[in-house]
Amino acid sequence: GHAFFAGIRDFAKQRGFDRIELNMWEFN
């Protein structure tokens, strides 16, 4: 998950984004 998120972060940067957001369920 950590390695995958690094790839997601790099993808977002390549697309010109400087922010990533998500929502999650409190039970998790």
mmCIF file of all heavy atoms, coordinates in Angstrom:
data_MODEL
# 
_entry.id   MODEL 
# 
loop_
_atom_site.group_PDB 
_atom_site.id 
_atom_site.type_symbol 
_atom_site.label_atom_id 
_atom_site.label_alt_id 
_atom_site.label_comp_id 
_atom_site.label_asym_id 
_atom_site.label_entity_id 
_atom_site.label_seq_id 
_atom_site.pdbx_PDB_ins_code 
_atom_site.Cartn_x 
_atom_site.Cartn_y 
_atom_site.Cartn_z 
_atom_site.occupancy 
_atom_site.B_iso_or_equiv 
_atom_site.pdbx_formal_charge 
_atom_site.auth_seq_id 
_atom_site.auth_comp_id 
_atom_site.auth_asym_id 
_atom_site.auth_atom_id 
_atom_site.pdbx_PDB_model_num 
ATOM 1   N N   . GLY A 1 1  ? 0.812   -1.208 0.000   1.00 0.00 ? 1  GLY A N   1 
ATOM 2   C CA  . GLY A 1 1  ? 0.000   0.000  0.000   1.00 0.00 ? 1  GLY A CA  1 
ATOM 3   C C   . GLY A 1 1  ? 0.847   1.260  0.000   1.00 0.00 ? 1  GLY A C   1 
ATOM 4   O O   . GLY A 1 1  ? 0.558   2.212  -0.719  1.00 0.00 ? 1  GLY A O   1 
ATOM 5   N N   . HIS A 1 2  ? 1.915   1.270  0.797   1.00 0.00 ? 2  HIS A N   1 
ATOM 6   C CA  . HIS A 1 2  ? 2.794   2.441  0.833   1.00 0.00 ? 2  HIS A CA  1 
ATOM 7   C C   . HIS A 1 2  ? 3.476   2.653  -0.523  1.00 0.00 ? 2  HIS A C   1 
ATOM 8   O O   . HIS A 1 2  ? 3.547   3.776  -1.021  1.00 0.00 ? 2  HIS A O   1 
ATOM 9   C CB  . HIS A 1 2  ? 3.840   2.298  1.945   1.00 0.00 ? 2  HIS A CB  1 
ATOM 10  C CG  . HIS A 1 2  ? 3.312   2.644  3.291   1.00 0.00 ? 2  HIS A CG  1 
ATOM 11  N ND1 . HIS A 1 2  ? 2.599   1.755  4.060   1.00 0.00 ? 2  HIS A ND1 1 
ATOM 12  C CD2 . HIS A 1 2  ? 3.370   3.794  4.001   1.00 0.00 ? 2  HIS A CD2 1 
ATOM 13  C CE1 . HIS A 1 2  ? 2.256   2.327  5.190   1.00 0.00 ? 2  HIS A CE1 1 
ATOM 14  N NE2 . HIS A 1 2  ? 2.697   3.577  5.187   1.00 0.00 ? 2  HIS A NE2 1 
ATOM 15  N N   . ALA A 1 3  ? 3.989   1.582  -1.093  1.00 0.00 ? 3  ALA A N   1 
ATOM 16  C CA  . ALA A 1 3  ? 4.655   1.692  -2.399  1.00 0.00 ? 3  ALA A CA  1 
ATOM 17  C C   . ALA A 1 3  ? 3.655   2.105  -3.476  1.00 0.00 ? 3  ALA A C   1 
ATOM 18  O O   . ALA A 1 3  ? 3.973   2.927  -4.345  1.00 0.00 ? 3  ALA A O   1 
ATOM 19  C CB  . ALA A 1 3  ? 5.318   0.366  -2.756  1.00 0.00 ? 3  ALA A CB  1 
ATOM 20  N N   . PHE A 1 4  ? 2.452   1.556  -3.415  1.00 0.00 ? 4  PHE A N   1 
ATOM 21  C CA  . PHE A 1 4  ? 1.419   1.903  -4.393  1.00 0.00 ? 4  PHE A CA  1 
ATOM 22  C C   . PHE A 1 4  ? 1.039   3.370  -4.258  1.00 0.00 ? 4  PHE A C   1 
ATOM 23  O O   . PHE A 1 4  ? 0.899   4.077  -5.257  1.00 0.00 ? 4  PHE A O   1 
ATOM 24  C CB  . PHE A 1 4  ? 0.208   0.989  -4.213  1.00 0.00 ? 4  PHE A CB  1 
ATOM 25  C CG  . PHE A 1 4  ? -0.863  1.155  -5.266  1.00 0.00 ? 4  PHE A CG  1 
ATOM 26  C CD1 . PHE A 1 4  ? -0.543  1.309  -6.608  1.00 0.00 ? 4  PHE A CD1 1 
ATOM 27  C CD2 . PHE A 1 4  ? -2.191  1.123  -4.918  1.00 0.00 ? 4  PHE A CD2 1 
ATOM 28  C CE1 . PHE A 1 4  ? -1.535  1.448  -7.581  1.00 0.00 ? 4  PHE A CE1 1 
ATOM 29  C CE2 . PHE A 1 4  ? -3.192  1.257  -5.870  1.00 0.00 ? 4  PHE A CE2 1 
ATOM 30  C CZ  . PHE A 1 4  ? -2.860  1.423  -7.202  1.00 0.00 ? 4  PHE A CZ  1 
ATOM 31  N N   . PHE A 1 5  ? 0.876   3.843  -3.015  1.00 0.00 ? 5  PHE A N   1 
ATOM 32  C CA  . PHE A 1 5  ? 0.522   5.245  -2.842  1.00 0.00 ? 5  PHE A CA  1 
ATOM 33  C C   . PHE A 1 5  ? 1.611   6.159  -3.391  1.00 0.00 ? 5  PHE A C   1 
ATOM 34  O O   . PHE A 1 5  ? 1.303   7.224  -3.948  1.00 0.00 ? 5  PHE A O   1 
ATOM 35  C CB  . PHE A 1 5  ? 0.224   5.602  -1.384  1.00 0.00 ? 5  PHE A CB  1 
ATOM 36  C CG  . PHE A 1 5  ? -0.120  7.052  -1.240  1.00 0.00 ? 5  PHE A CG  1 
ATOM 37  C CD1 . PHE A 1 5  ? -1.347  7.537  -1.682  1.00 0.00 ? 5  PHE A CD1 1 
ATOM 38  C CD2 . PHE A 1 5  ? 0.794   7.949  -0.733  1.00 0.00 ? 5  PHE A CD2 1 
ATOM 39  C CE1 . PHE A 1 5  ? -1.651  8.885  -1.606  1.00 0.00 ? 5  PHE A CE1 1 
ATOM 40  C CE2 . PHE A 1 5  ? 0.500   9.310  -0.652  1.00 0.00 ? 5  PHE A CE2 1 
ATOM 41  C CZ  . PHE A 1 5  ? -0.724  9.770  -1.082  1.00 0.00 ? 5  PHE A CZ  1 
ATOM 42  N N   . ALA A 1 6  ? 2.869   5.786  -3.264  1.00 0.00 ? 6  ALA A N   1 
ATOM 43  C CA  . ALA A 1 6  ? 3.953   6.602  -3.844  1.00 0.00 ? 6  ALA A CA  1 
ATOM 44  C C   . ALA A 1 6  ? 3.734   6.739  -5.347  1.00 0.00 ? 6  ALA A C   1 
ATOM 45  O O   . ALA A 1 6  ? 3.940   7.813  -5.922  1.00 0.00 ? 6  ALA A O   1 
ATOM 46  C CB  . ALA A 1 6  ? 5.313   5.985  -3.532  1.00 0.00 ? 6  ALA A CB  1 
ATOM 47  N N   . GLY A 1 7  ? 3.289   5.668  -5.996  1.00 0.00 ? 7  GLY A N   1 
ATOM 48  C CA  . GLY A 1 7  ? 2.978   5.732  -7.422  1.00 0.00 ? 7  GLY A CA  1 
ATOM 49  C C   . GLY A 1 7  ? 1.783   6.613  -7.720  1.00 0.00 ? 7  GLY A C   1 
ATOM 50  O O   . GLY A 1 7  ? 1.766   7.349  -8.712  1.00 0.00 ? 7  GLY A O   1 
ATOM 51  N N   . ILE A 1 8  ? 0.767   6.551  -6.860  1.00 0.00 ? 8  ILE A N   1 
ATOM 52  C CA  . ILE A 1 8  ? -0.405  7.418  -7.021  1.00 0.00 ? 8  ILE A CA  1 
ATOM 53  C C   . ILE A 1 8  ? 0.018   8.881  -6.877  1.00 0.00 ? 8  ILE A C   1 
ATOM 54  O O   . ILE A 1 8  ? -0.384  9.740  -7.662  1.00 0.00 ? 8  ILE A O   1 
ATOM 55  C CB  . ILE A 1 8  ? -1.494  7.054  -5.992  1.00 0.00 ? 8  ILE A CB  1 
ATOM 56  C CG1 . ILE A 1 8  ? -2.067  5.666  -6.291  1.00 0.00 ? 8  ILE A CG1 1 
ATOM 57  C CG2 . ILE A 1 8  ? -2.600  8.110  -5.963  1.00 0.00 ? 8  ILE A CG2 1 
ATOM 58  C CD1 . ILE A 1 8  ? -2.952  5.107  -5.194  1.00 0.00 ? 8  ILE A CD1 1 
ATOM 59  N N   . ARG A 1 9  ? 0.836   9.162  -5.866  1.00 0.00 ? 9  ARG A N   1 
ATOM 60  C CA  . ARG A 1 9  ? 1.329   10.532 -5.644  1.00 0.00 ? 9  ARG A CA  1 
ATOM 61  C C   . ARG A 1 9  ? 2.104   11.026 -6.863  1.00 0.00 ? 9  ARG A C   1 
ATOM 62  O O   . ARG A 1 9  ? 1.888   12.149 -7.338  1.00 0.00 ? 9  ARG A O   1 
ATOM 63  C CB  . ARG A 1 9  ? 2.212   10.567 -4.393  1.00 0.00 ? 9  ARG A CB  1 
ATOM 64  C CG  . ARG A 1 9  ? 2.680   11.961 -4.028  1.00 0.00 ? 9  ARG A CG  1 
ATOM 65  C CD  . ARG A 1 9  ? 3.688   11.948 -2.897  1.00 0.00 ? 9  ARG A CD  1 
ATOM 66  N NE  . ARG A 1 9  ? 4.843   11.161 -3.302  1.00 0.00 ? 9  ARG A NE  1 
ATOM 67  C CZ  . ARG A 1 9  ? 5.395   10.185 -2.577  1.00 0.00 ? 9  ARG A CZ  1 
ATOM 68  N NH1 . ARG A 1 9  ? 4.908   9.858  -1.405  1.00 0.00 ? 9  ARG A NH1 1 
ATOM 69  N NH2 . ARG A 1 9  ? 6.439   9.531  -3.037  1.00 0.00 ? 9  ARG A NH2 1 
ATOM 70  N N   . ASP A 1 10 ? 2.980   10.180 -7.408  1.00 0.00 ? 10 ASP A N   1 
ATOM 71  C CA  . ASP A 1 10 ? 3.745   10.568 -8.596  1.00 0.00 ? 10 ASP A CA  1 
ATOM 72  C C   . ASP A 1 10 ? 2.828   10.807 -9.788  1.00 0.00 ? 10 ASP A C   1 
ATOM 73  O O   . ASP A 1 10 ? 3.032   11.751 -10.556 1.00 0.00 ? 10 ASP A O   1 
ATOM 74  C CB  . ASP A 1 10 ? 4.786   9.502  -8.930  1.00 0.00 ? 10 ASP A CB  1 
ATOM 75  C CG  . ASP A 1 10 ? 5.894   9.411  -7.896  1.00 0.00 ? 10 ASP A CG  1 
ATOM 76  O OD1 . ASP A 1 10 ? 6.026   10.334 -7.057  1.00 0.00 ? 10 ASP A OD1 1 
ATOM 77  O OD2 . ASP A 1 10 ? 6.612   8.394  -7.907  1.00 0.00 ? 10 ASP A OD2 1 
ATOM 78  N N   . PHE A 1 11 ? 1.814   9.971  -9.954  1.00 0.00 ? 11 PHE A N   1 
ATOM 79  C CA  . PHE A 1 11 ? 0.853   10.133 -11.037 1.00 0.00 ? 11 PHE A CA  1 
ATOM 80  C C   . PHE A 1 11 ? 0.137   11.476 -10.899 1.00 0.00 ? 11 PHE A C   1 
ATOM 81  O O   . PHE A 1 11 ? -0.017  12.213 -11.880 1.00 0.00 ? 11 PHE A O   1 
ATOM 82  C CB  . PHE A 1 11 ? -0.150  8.973  -11.028 1.00 0.00 ? 11 PHE A CB  1 
ATOM 83  C CG  . PHE A 1 11 ? -1.188  9.055  -12.106 1.00 0.00 ? 11 PHE A CG  1 
ATOM 84  C CD1 . PHE A 1 11 ? -0.886  8.692  -13.406 1.00 0.00 ? 11 PHE A CD1 1 
ATOM 85  C CD2 . PHE A 1 11 ? -2.473  9.492  -11.817 1.00 0.00 ? 11 PHE A CD2 1 
ATOM 86  C CE1 . PHE A 1 11 ? -1.846  8.767  -14.414 1.00 0.00 ? 11 PHE A CE1 1 
ATOM 87  C CE2 . PHE A 1 11 ? -3.440  9.570  -12.807 1.00 0.00 ? 11 PHE A CE2 1 
ATOM 88  C CZ  . PHE A 1 11 ? -3.124  9.210  -14.111 1.00 0.00 ? 11 PHE A CZ  1 
ATOM 89  N N   . ALA A 1 12 ? -0.296  11.805 -9.681  1.00 0.00 ? 12 ALA A N   1 
ATOM 90  C CA  . ALA A 1 12 ? -0.981  13.085 -9.449  1.00 0.00 ? 12 ALA A CA  1 
ATOM 91  C C   . ALA A 1 12 ? -0.060  14.259 -9.780  1.00 0.00 ? 12 ALA A C   1 
ATOM 92  O O   . ALA A 1 12 ? -0.477  15.222 -10.427 1.00 0.00 ? 12 ALA A O   1 
ATOM 93  C CB  . ALA A 1 12 ? -1.473  13.165 -8.004  1.00 0.00 ? 12 ALA A CB  1 
ATOM 94  N N   . LYS A 1 13 ? 1.194   14.179 -9.365  1.00 0.00 ? 13 LYS A N   1 
ATOM 95  C CA  . LYS A 1 13 ? 2.159   15.242 -9.670  1.00 0.00 ? 13 LYS A CA  1 
ATOM 96  C C   . LYS A 1 13 ? 2.341   15.390 -11.179 1.00 0.00 ? 13 LYS A C   1 
ATOM 97  O O   . LYS A 1 13 ? 2.372   16.503 -11.703 1.00 0.00 ? 13 LYS A O   1 
ATOM 98  C CB  . LYS A 1 13 ? 3.518   14.932 -9.036  1.00 0.00 ? 13 LYS A CB  1 
ATOM 99  C CG  . LYS A 1 13 ? 3.607   15.220 -7.574  1.00 0.00 ? 13 LYS A CG  1 
ATOM 100 C CD  . LYS A 1 13 ? 5.026   14.908 -7.096  1.00 0.00 ? 13 LYS A CD  1 
ATOM 101 C CE  . LYS A 1 13 ? 5.180   15.077 -5.618  1.00 0.00 ? 13 LYS A CE  1 
ATOM 102 N NZ  . LYS A 1 13 ? 6.529   14.727 -5.144  1.00 0.00 ? 13 LYS A NZ  1 
ATOM 103 N N   . GLN A 1 14 ? 2.464   14.265 -11.886 1.00 0.00 ? 14 GLN A N   1 
ATOM 104 C CA  . GLN A 1 14 ? 2.638   14.296 -13.340 1.00 0.00 ? 14 GLN A CA  1 
ATOM 105 C C   . GLN A 1 14 ? 1.444   14.946 -14.029 1.00 0.00 ? 14 GLN A C   1 
ATOM 106 O O   . GLN A 1 14 ? 1.589   15.557 -15.085 1.00 0.00 ? 14 GLN A O   1 
ATOM 107 C CB  . GLN A 1 14 ? 2.848   12.881 -13.887 1.00 0.00 ? 14 GLN A CB  1 
ATOM 108 C CG  . GLN A 1 14 ? 4.162   12.267 -13.510 1.00 0.00 ? 14 GLN A CG  1 
ATOM 109 C CD  . GLN A 1 14 ? 4.192   10.768 -13.811 1.00 0.00 ? 14 GLN A CD  1 
ATOM 110 O OE1 . GLN A 1 14 ? 3.254   10.198 -14.367 1.00 0.00 ? 14 GLN A OE1 1 
ATOM 111 N NE2 . GLN A 1 14 ? 5.277   10.123 -13.422 1.00 0.00 ? 14 GLN A NE2 1 
ATOM 112 N N   . ARG A 1 15 ? 0.268   14.812 -13.433 1.00 0.00 ? 15 ARG A N   1 
ATOM 113 C CA  . ARG A 1 15 ? -0.942  15.401 -14.008 1.00 0.00 ? 15 ARG A CA  1 
ATOM 114 C C   . ARG A 1 15 ? -1.149  16.843 -13.543 1.00 0.00 ? 15 ARG A C   1 
ATOM 115 O O   . ARG A 1 15 ? -2.166  17.459 -13.858 1.00 0.00 ? 15 ARG A O   1 
ATOM 116 C CB  . ARG A 1 15 ? -2.174  14.558 -13.633 1.00 0.00 ? 15 ARG A CB  1 
ATOM 117 C CG  . ARG A 1 15 ? -2.096  13.097 -13.984 1.00 0.00 ? 15 ARG A CG  1 
ATOM 118 C CD  . ARG A 1 15 ? -2.396  12.738 -15.367 1.00 0.00 ? 15 ARG A CD  1 
ATOM 119 N NE  . ARG A 1 15 ? -3.699  13.187 -15.804 1.00 0.00 ? 15 ARG A NE  1 
ATOM 120 C CZ  . ARG A 1 15 ? -4.138  13.034 -17.033 1.00 0.00 ? 15 ARG A CZ  1 
ATOM 121 N NH1 . ARG A 1 15 ? -3.395  12.434 -17.930 1.00 0.00 ? 15 ARG A NH1 1 
ATOM 122 N NH2 . ARG A 1 15 ? -5.314  13.472 -17.380 1.00 0.00 ? 15 ARG A NH2 1 
ATOM 123 N N   . GLY A 1 16 ? -0.198  17.385 -12.772 1.00 0.00 ? 16 GLY A N   1 
ATOM 124 C CA  . GLY A 1 16 ? -0.254  18.778 -12.362 1.00 0.00 ? 16 GLY A CA  1 
ATOM 125 C C   . GLY A 1 16 ? -1.027  19.043 -11.077 1.00 0.00 ? 16 GLY A C   1 
ATOM 126 O O   . GLY A 1 16 ? -1.397  20.186 -10.813 1.00 0.00 ? 16 GLY A O   1 
ATOM 127 N N   . PHE A 1 17 ? -1.253  18.025 -10.276 1.00 0.00 ? 17 PHE A N   1 
ATOM 128 C CA  . PHE A 1 17 ? -1.983  18.205 -9.026  1.00 0.00 ? 17 PHE A CA  1 
ATOM 129 C C   . PHE A 1 17 ? -1.009  18.304 -7.866  1.00 0.00 ? 17 PHE A C   1 
ATOM 130 O O   . PHE A 1 17 ? 0.002   17.612 -7.827  1.00 0.00 ? 17 PHE A O   1 
ATOM 131 C CB  . PHE A 1 17 ? -2.949  17.033 -8.785  1.00 0.00 ? 17 PHE A CB  1 
ATOM 132 C CG  . PHE A 1 17 ? -4.079  17.008 -9.760  1.00 0.00 ? 17 PHE A CG  1 
ATOM 133 C CD1 . PHE A 1 17 ? -3.974  16.320 -10.961 1.00 0.00 ? 17 PHE A CD1 1 
ATOM 134 C CD2 . PHE A 1 17 ? -5.259  17.691 -9.497  1.00 0.00 ? 17 PHE A CD2 1 
ATOM 135 C CE1 . PHE A 1 17 ? -5.011  16.310 -11.876 1.00 0.00 ? 17 PHE A CE1 1 
ATOM 136 C CE2 . PHE A 1 17 ? -6.304  17.690 -10.404 1.00 0.00 ? 17 PHE A CE2 1 
ATOM 137 C CZ  . PHE A 1 17 ? -6.176  17.003 -11.594 1.00 0.00 ? 17 PHE A CZ  1 
ATOM 138 N N   . ASP A 1 18 ? -1.349  19.164 -6.906  1.00 0.00 ? 18 ASP A N   1 
ATOM 139 C CA  . ASP A 1 18 ? -0.511  19.272 -5.719  1.00 0.00 ? 18 ASP A CA  1 
ATOM 140 C C   . ASP A 1 18 ? -1.269  18.843 -4.456  1.00 0.00 ? 18 ASP A C   1 
ATOM 141 O O   . ASP A 1 18 ? -0.802  19.039 -3.349  1.00 0.00 ? 18 ASP A O   1 
ATOM 142 C CB  . ASP A 1 18 ? 0.049   20.682 -5.550  1.00 0.00 ? 18 ASP A CB  1 
ATOM 143 C CG  . ASP A 1 18 ? -1.026  21.748 -5.455  1.00 0.00 ? 18 ASP A CG  1 
ATOM 144 O OD1 . ASP A 1 18 ? -2.224  21.414 -5.346  1.00 0.00 ? 18 ASP A OD1 1 
ATOM 145 O OD2 . ASP A 1 18 ? -0.673  22.939 -5.477  1.00 0.00 ? 18 ASP A OD2 1 
ATOM 146 N N   . ARG A 1 19 ? -2.446  18.243 -4.662  1.00 0.00 ? 19 ARG A N   1 
ATOM 147 C CA  . ARG A 1 19 ? -3.257  17.805 -3.526  1.00 0.00 ? 19 ARG A CA  1 
ATOM 148 C C   . ARG A 1 19 ? -3.996  16.525 -3.902  1.00 0.00 ? 19 ARG A C   1 
ATOM 149 O O   . ARG A 1 19 ? -4.523  16.393 -5.005  1.00 0.00 ? 19 ARG A O   1 
ATOM 150 C CB  . ARG A 1 19 ? -4.248  18.906 -3.165  1.00 0.00 ? 19 ARG A CB  1 
ATOM 151 C CG  . ARG A 1 19 ? -5.112  18.615 -1.981  1.00 0.00 ? 19 ARG A CG  1 
ATOM 152 C CD  . ARG A 1 19 ? -6.027  19.821 -1.708  1.00 0.00 ? 19 ARG A CD  1 
ATOM 153 N NE  . ARG A 1 19 ? -6.791  19.596 -0.528  1.00 0.00 ? 19 ARG A NE  1 
ATOM 154 C CZ  . ARG A 1 19 ? -6.387  19.894 0.702   1.00 0.00 ? 19 ARG A CZ  1 
ATOM 155 N NH1 . ARG A 1 19 ? -5.208  20.434 0.883   1.00 0.00 ? 19 ARG A NH1 1 
ATOM 156 N NH2 . ARG A 1 19 ? -7.157  19.654 1.739   1.00 0.00 ? 19 ARG A NH2 1 
ATOM 157 N N   . ILE A 1 20 ? -4.040  15.587 -2.962  1.00 0.00 ? 20 ILE A N   1 
ATOM 158 C CA  . ILE A 1 20 ? -4.809  14.347 -3.096  1.00 0.00 ? 20 ILE A CA  1 
ATOM 159 C C   . ILE A 1 20 ? -5.771  14.288 -1.925  1.00 0.00 ? 20 ILE A C   1 
ATOM 160 O O   . ILE A 1 20 ? -5.389  14.551 -0.792  1.00 0.00 ? 20 ILE A O   1 
ATOM 161 C CB  . ILE A 1 20 ? -3.893  13.104 -3.084  1.00 0.00 ? 20 ILE A CB  1 
ATOM 162 C CG1 . ILE A 1 20 ? -2.927  13.132 -4.267  1.00 0.00 ? 20 ILE A CG1 1 
ATOM 163 C CG2 . ILE A 1 20 ? -4.732  11.820 -3.100  1.00 0.00 ? 20 ILE A CG2 1 
ATOM 164 C CD1 . ILE A 1 20 ? -1.877  12.030 -4.242  1.00 0.00 ? 20 ILE A CD1 1 
ATOM 165 N N   . GLU A 1 21 ? -7.016  13.956 -2.215  1.00 0.00 ? 21 GLU A N   1 
ATOM 166 C CA  . GLU A 1 21 ? -8.028  13.817 -1.167  1.00 0.00 ? 21 GLU A CA  1 
ATOM 167 C C   . GLU A 1 21 ? -8.704  12.458 -1.302  1.00 0.00 ? 21 GLU A C   1 
ATOM 168 O O   . GLU A 1 21 ? -8.701  11.845 -2.366  1.00 0.00 ? 21 GLU A O   1 
ATOM 169 C CB  . GLU A 1 21 ? -9.082  14.924 -1.265  1.00 0.00 ? 21 GLU A CB  1 
ATOM 170 C CG  . GLU A 1 21 ? -8.538  16.307 -1.013  1.00 0.00 ? 21 GLU A CG  1 
ATOM 171 C CD  . GLU A 1 21 ? -9.618  17.370 -0.941  1.00 0.00 ? 21 GLU A CD  1 
ATOM 172 O OE1 . GLU A 1 21 ? -10.829 17.032 -0.814  1.00 0.00 ? 21 GLU A OE1 1 
ATOM 173 O OE2 . GLU A 1 21 ? -9.258  18.561 -0.982  1.00 0.00 ? 21 GLU A OE2 1 
ATOM 174 N N   . LEU A 1 22 ? -9.277  12.014 -0.198  1.00 0.00 ? 22 LEU A N   1 
ATOM 175 C CA  . LEU A 1 22 ? -10.091 10.803 -0.195  1.00 0.00 ? 22 LEU A CA  1 
ATOM 176 C C   . LEU A 1 22 ? -11.059 10.892 0.958   1.00 0.00 ? 22 LEU A C   1 
ATOM 177 O O   . LEU A 1 22 ? -10.917 11.715 1.847   1.00 0.00 ? 22 LEU A O   1 
ATOM 178 C CB  . LEU A 1 22 ? -9.220  9.542  -0.091  1.00 0.00 ? 22 LEU A CB  1 
ATOM 179 C CG  . LEU A 1 22 ? -8.308  9.371  1.120   1.00 0.00 ? 22 LEU A CG  1 
ATOM 180 C CD1 . LEU A 1 22 ? -9.040  8.866  2.353   1.00 0.00 ? 22 LEU A CD1 1 
ATOM 181 C CD2 . LEU A 1 22 ? -7.202  8.380  0.772   1.00 0.00 ? 22 LEU A CD2 1 
ATOM 182 N N   . ASN A 1 23 ? -12.072 10.042 0.925   1.00 0.00 ? 23 ASN A N   1 
ATOM 183 C CA  . ASN A 1 23 ? -12.930 9.894  2.094   1.00 0.00 ? 23 ASN A CA  1 
ATOM 184 C C   . ASN A 1 23 ? -12.941 8.425  2.462   1.00 0.00 ? 23 ASN A C   1 
ATOM 185 O O   . ASN A 1 23 ? -12.638 7.561  1.640   1.00 0.00 ? 23 ASN A O   1 
ATOM 186 C CB  . ASN A 1 23 ? -14.339 10.469 1.850   1.00 0.00 ? 23 ASN A CB  1 
ATOM 187 C CG  . ASN A 1 23 ? -15.147 9.630  0.899   1.00 0.00 ? 23 ASN A CG  1 
ATOM 188 O OD1 . ASN A 1 23 ? -15.574 8.528  1.227   1.00 0.00 ? 23 ASN A OD1 1 
ATOM 189 N ND2 . ASN A 1 23 ? -15.368 10.153 -0.303  1.00 0.00 ? 23 ASN A ND2 1 
ATOM 190 N N   . MET A 1 24 ? -13.220 8.161  3.709   1.00 0.00 ? 24 MET A N   1 
ATOM 191 C CA  . MET A 1 24 ? -13.208 6.778  4.190   1.00 0.00 ? 24 MET A CA  1 
ATOM 192 C C   . MET A 1 24 ? -14.295 6.609  5.244   1.00 0.00 ? 24 MET A C   1 
ATOM 193 O O   . MET A 1 24 ? -14.789 7.591  5.784   1.00 0.00 ? 24 MET A O   1 
ATOM 194 C CB  . MET A 1 24 ? -11.844 6.425  4.768   1.00 0.00 ? 24 MET A CB  1 
ATOM 195 C CG  . MET A 1 24 ? -11.414 7.332  5.895   1.00 0.00 ? 24 MET A CG  1 
ATOM 196 S SD  . MET A 1 24 ? -10.309 6.570  7.086   1.00 0.00 ? 24 MET A SD  1 
ATOM 197 C CE  . MET A 1 24 ? -11.238 5.216  7.715   1.00 0.00 ? 24 MET A CE  1 
ATOM 198 N N   . TRP A 1 25 ? -14.610 5.372  5.509   1.00 0.00 ? 25 TRP A N   1 
ATOM 199 C CA  . TRP A 1 25 ? -15.621 5.056  6.507   1.00 0.00 ? 25 TRP A CA  1 
ATOM 200 C C   . TRP A 1 25 ? -14.956 4.882  7.864   1.00 0.00 ? 25 TRP A C   1 
ATOM 201 O O   . TRP A 1 25 ? -13.931 4.228  7.991   1.00 0.00 ? 25 TRP A O   1 
ATOM 202 C CB  . TRP A 1 25 ? -16.390 3.807  6.089   1.00 0.00 ? 25 TRP A CB  1 
ATOM 203 C CG  . TRP A 1 25 ? -17.225 4.109  4.886   1.00 0.00 ? 25 TRP A CG  1 
ATOM 204 C CD1 . TRP A 1 25 ? -16.859 3.979  3.582   1.00 0.00 ? 25 TRP A CD1 1 
ATOM 205 C CD2 . TRP A 1 25 ? -18.529 4.662  4.883   1.00 0.00 ? 25 TRP A CD2 1 
ATOM 206 N NE1 . TRP A 1 25 ? -17.865 4.414  2.760   1.00 0.00 ? 25 TRP A NE1 1 
ATOM 207 C CE2 . TRP A 1 25 ? -18.919 4.830  3.540   1.00 0.00 ? 25 TRP A CE2 1 
ATOM 208 C CE3 . TRP A 1 25 ? -19.424 5.014  5.882   1.00 0.00 ? 25 TRP A CE3 1 
ATOM 209 C CZ2 . TRP A 1 25 ? -20.149 5.343  3.182   1.00 0.00 ? 25 TRP A CZ2 1 
ATOM 210 C CZ3 . TRP A 1 25 ? -20.657 5.514  5.517   1.00 0.00 ? 25 TRP A CZ3 1 
ATOM 211 C CH2 . TRP A 1 25 ? -21.009 5.681  4.177   1.00 0.00 ? 25 TRP A CH2 1 
ATOM 212 N N   . GLU A 1 26 ? -15.544 5.460  8.872   1.00 0.00 ? 26 GLU A N   1 
ATOM 213 C CA  . GLU A 1 26 ? -14.973 5.491  10.222  1.00 0.00 ? 26 GLU A CA  1 
ATOM 214 C C   . GLU A 1 26 ? -14.728 4.101  10.795  1.00 0.00 ? 26 GLU A C   1 
ATOM 215 O O   . GLU A 1 26 ? -13.796 3.904  11.572  1.00 0.00 ? 26 GLU A O   1 
ATOM 216 C CB  . GLU A 1 26 ? -15.911 6.292  11.135  1.00 0.00 ? 26 GLU A CB  1 
ATOM 217 C CG  . GLU A 1 26 ? -15.291 6.829  12.379  1.00 0.00 ? 26 GLU A CG  1 
ATOM 218 C CD  . GLU A 1 26 ? -14.256 7.925  12.167  1.00 0.00 ? 26 GLU A CD  1 
ATOM 219 O OE1 . GLU A 1 26 ? -14.239 8.560  11.099  1.00 0.00 ? 26 GLU A OE1 1 
ATOM 220 O OE2 . GLU A 1 26 ? -13.466 8.135  13.088  1.00 0.00 ? 26 GLU A OE2 1 
ATOM 221 N N   . PHE A 1 27 ? -15.526 3.102  10.423  1.00 0.00 ? 27 PHE A N   1 
ATOM 222 C CA  . PHE A 1 27 ? -15.341 1.756  10.959  1.00 0.00 ? 27 PHE A CA  1 
ATOM 223 C C   . PHE A 1 27 ? -14.032 1.125  10.509  1.00 0.00 ? 27 PHE A C   1 
ATOM 224 O O   . PHE A 1 27 ? -13.532 0.200  11.139  1.00 0.00 ? 27 PHE A O   1 
ATOM 225 C CB  . PHE A 1 27 ? -16.509 0.835  10.556  1.00 0.00 ? 27 PHE A CB  1 
ATOM 226 C CG  . PHE A 1 27 ? -16.561 0.530  9.083   1.00 0.00 ? 27 PHE A CG  1 
ATOM 227 C CD1 . PHE A 1 27 ? -15.738 -0.428 8.510   1.00 0.00 ? 27 PHE A CD1 1 
ATOM 228 C CD2 . PHE A 1 27 ? -17.438 1.221  8.265   1.00 0.00 ? 27 PHE A CD2 1 
ATOM 229 C CE1 . PHE A 1 27 ? -15.791 -0.691 7.149   1.00 0.00 ? 27 PHE A CE1 1 
ATOM 230 C CE2 . PHE A 1 27 ? -17.496 0.953  6.905   1.00 0.00 ? 27 PHE A CE2 1 
ATOM 231 C CZ  . PHE A 1 27 ? -16.676 -0.007 6.349   1.00 0.00 ? 27 PHE A CZ  1 
ATOM 232 N N   . ASN A 1 28 ? -13.470 1.605  9.428   1.00 0.00 ? 28 ASN A N   1 
ATOM 233 C CA  . ASN A 1 28 ? -12.299 0.972  8.828   1.00 0.00 ? 28 ASN A CA  1 
ATOM 234 C C   . ASN A 1 28 ? -11.015 1.507  9.486   1.00 0.00 ? 28 ASN A C   1 
ATOM 235 O O   . ASN A 1 28 ? -10.277 2.298  8.908   1.00 0.00 ? 28 ASN A O   1 
ATOM 236 C CB  . ASN A 1 28 ? -12.300 1.207  7.310   1.00 0.00 ? 28 ASN A CB  1 
ATOM 237 C CG  . ASN A 1 28 ? -11.391 0.256  6.588   1.00 0.00 ? 28 ASN A CG  1 
ATOM 238 O OD1 . ASN A 1 28 ? -10.502 -0.350 7.179   1.00 0.00 ? 28 ASN A OD1 1 
ATOM 239 N ND2 . ASN A 1 28 ? -11.598 0.134  5.288   1.00 0.00 ? 28 ASN A ND2 1 
# 
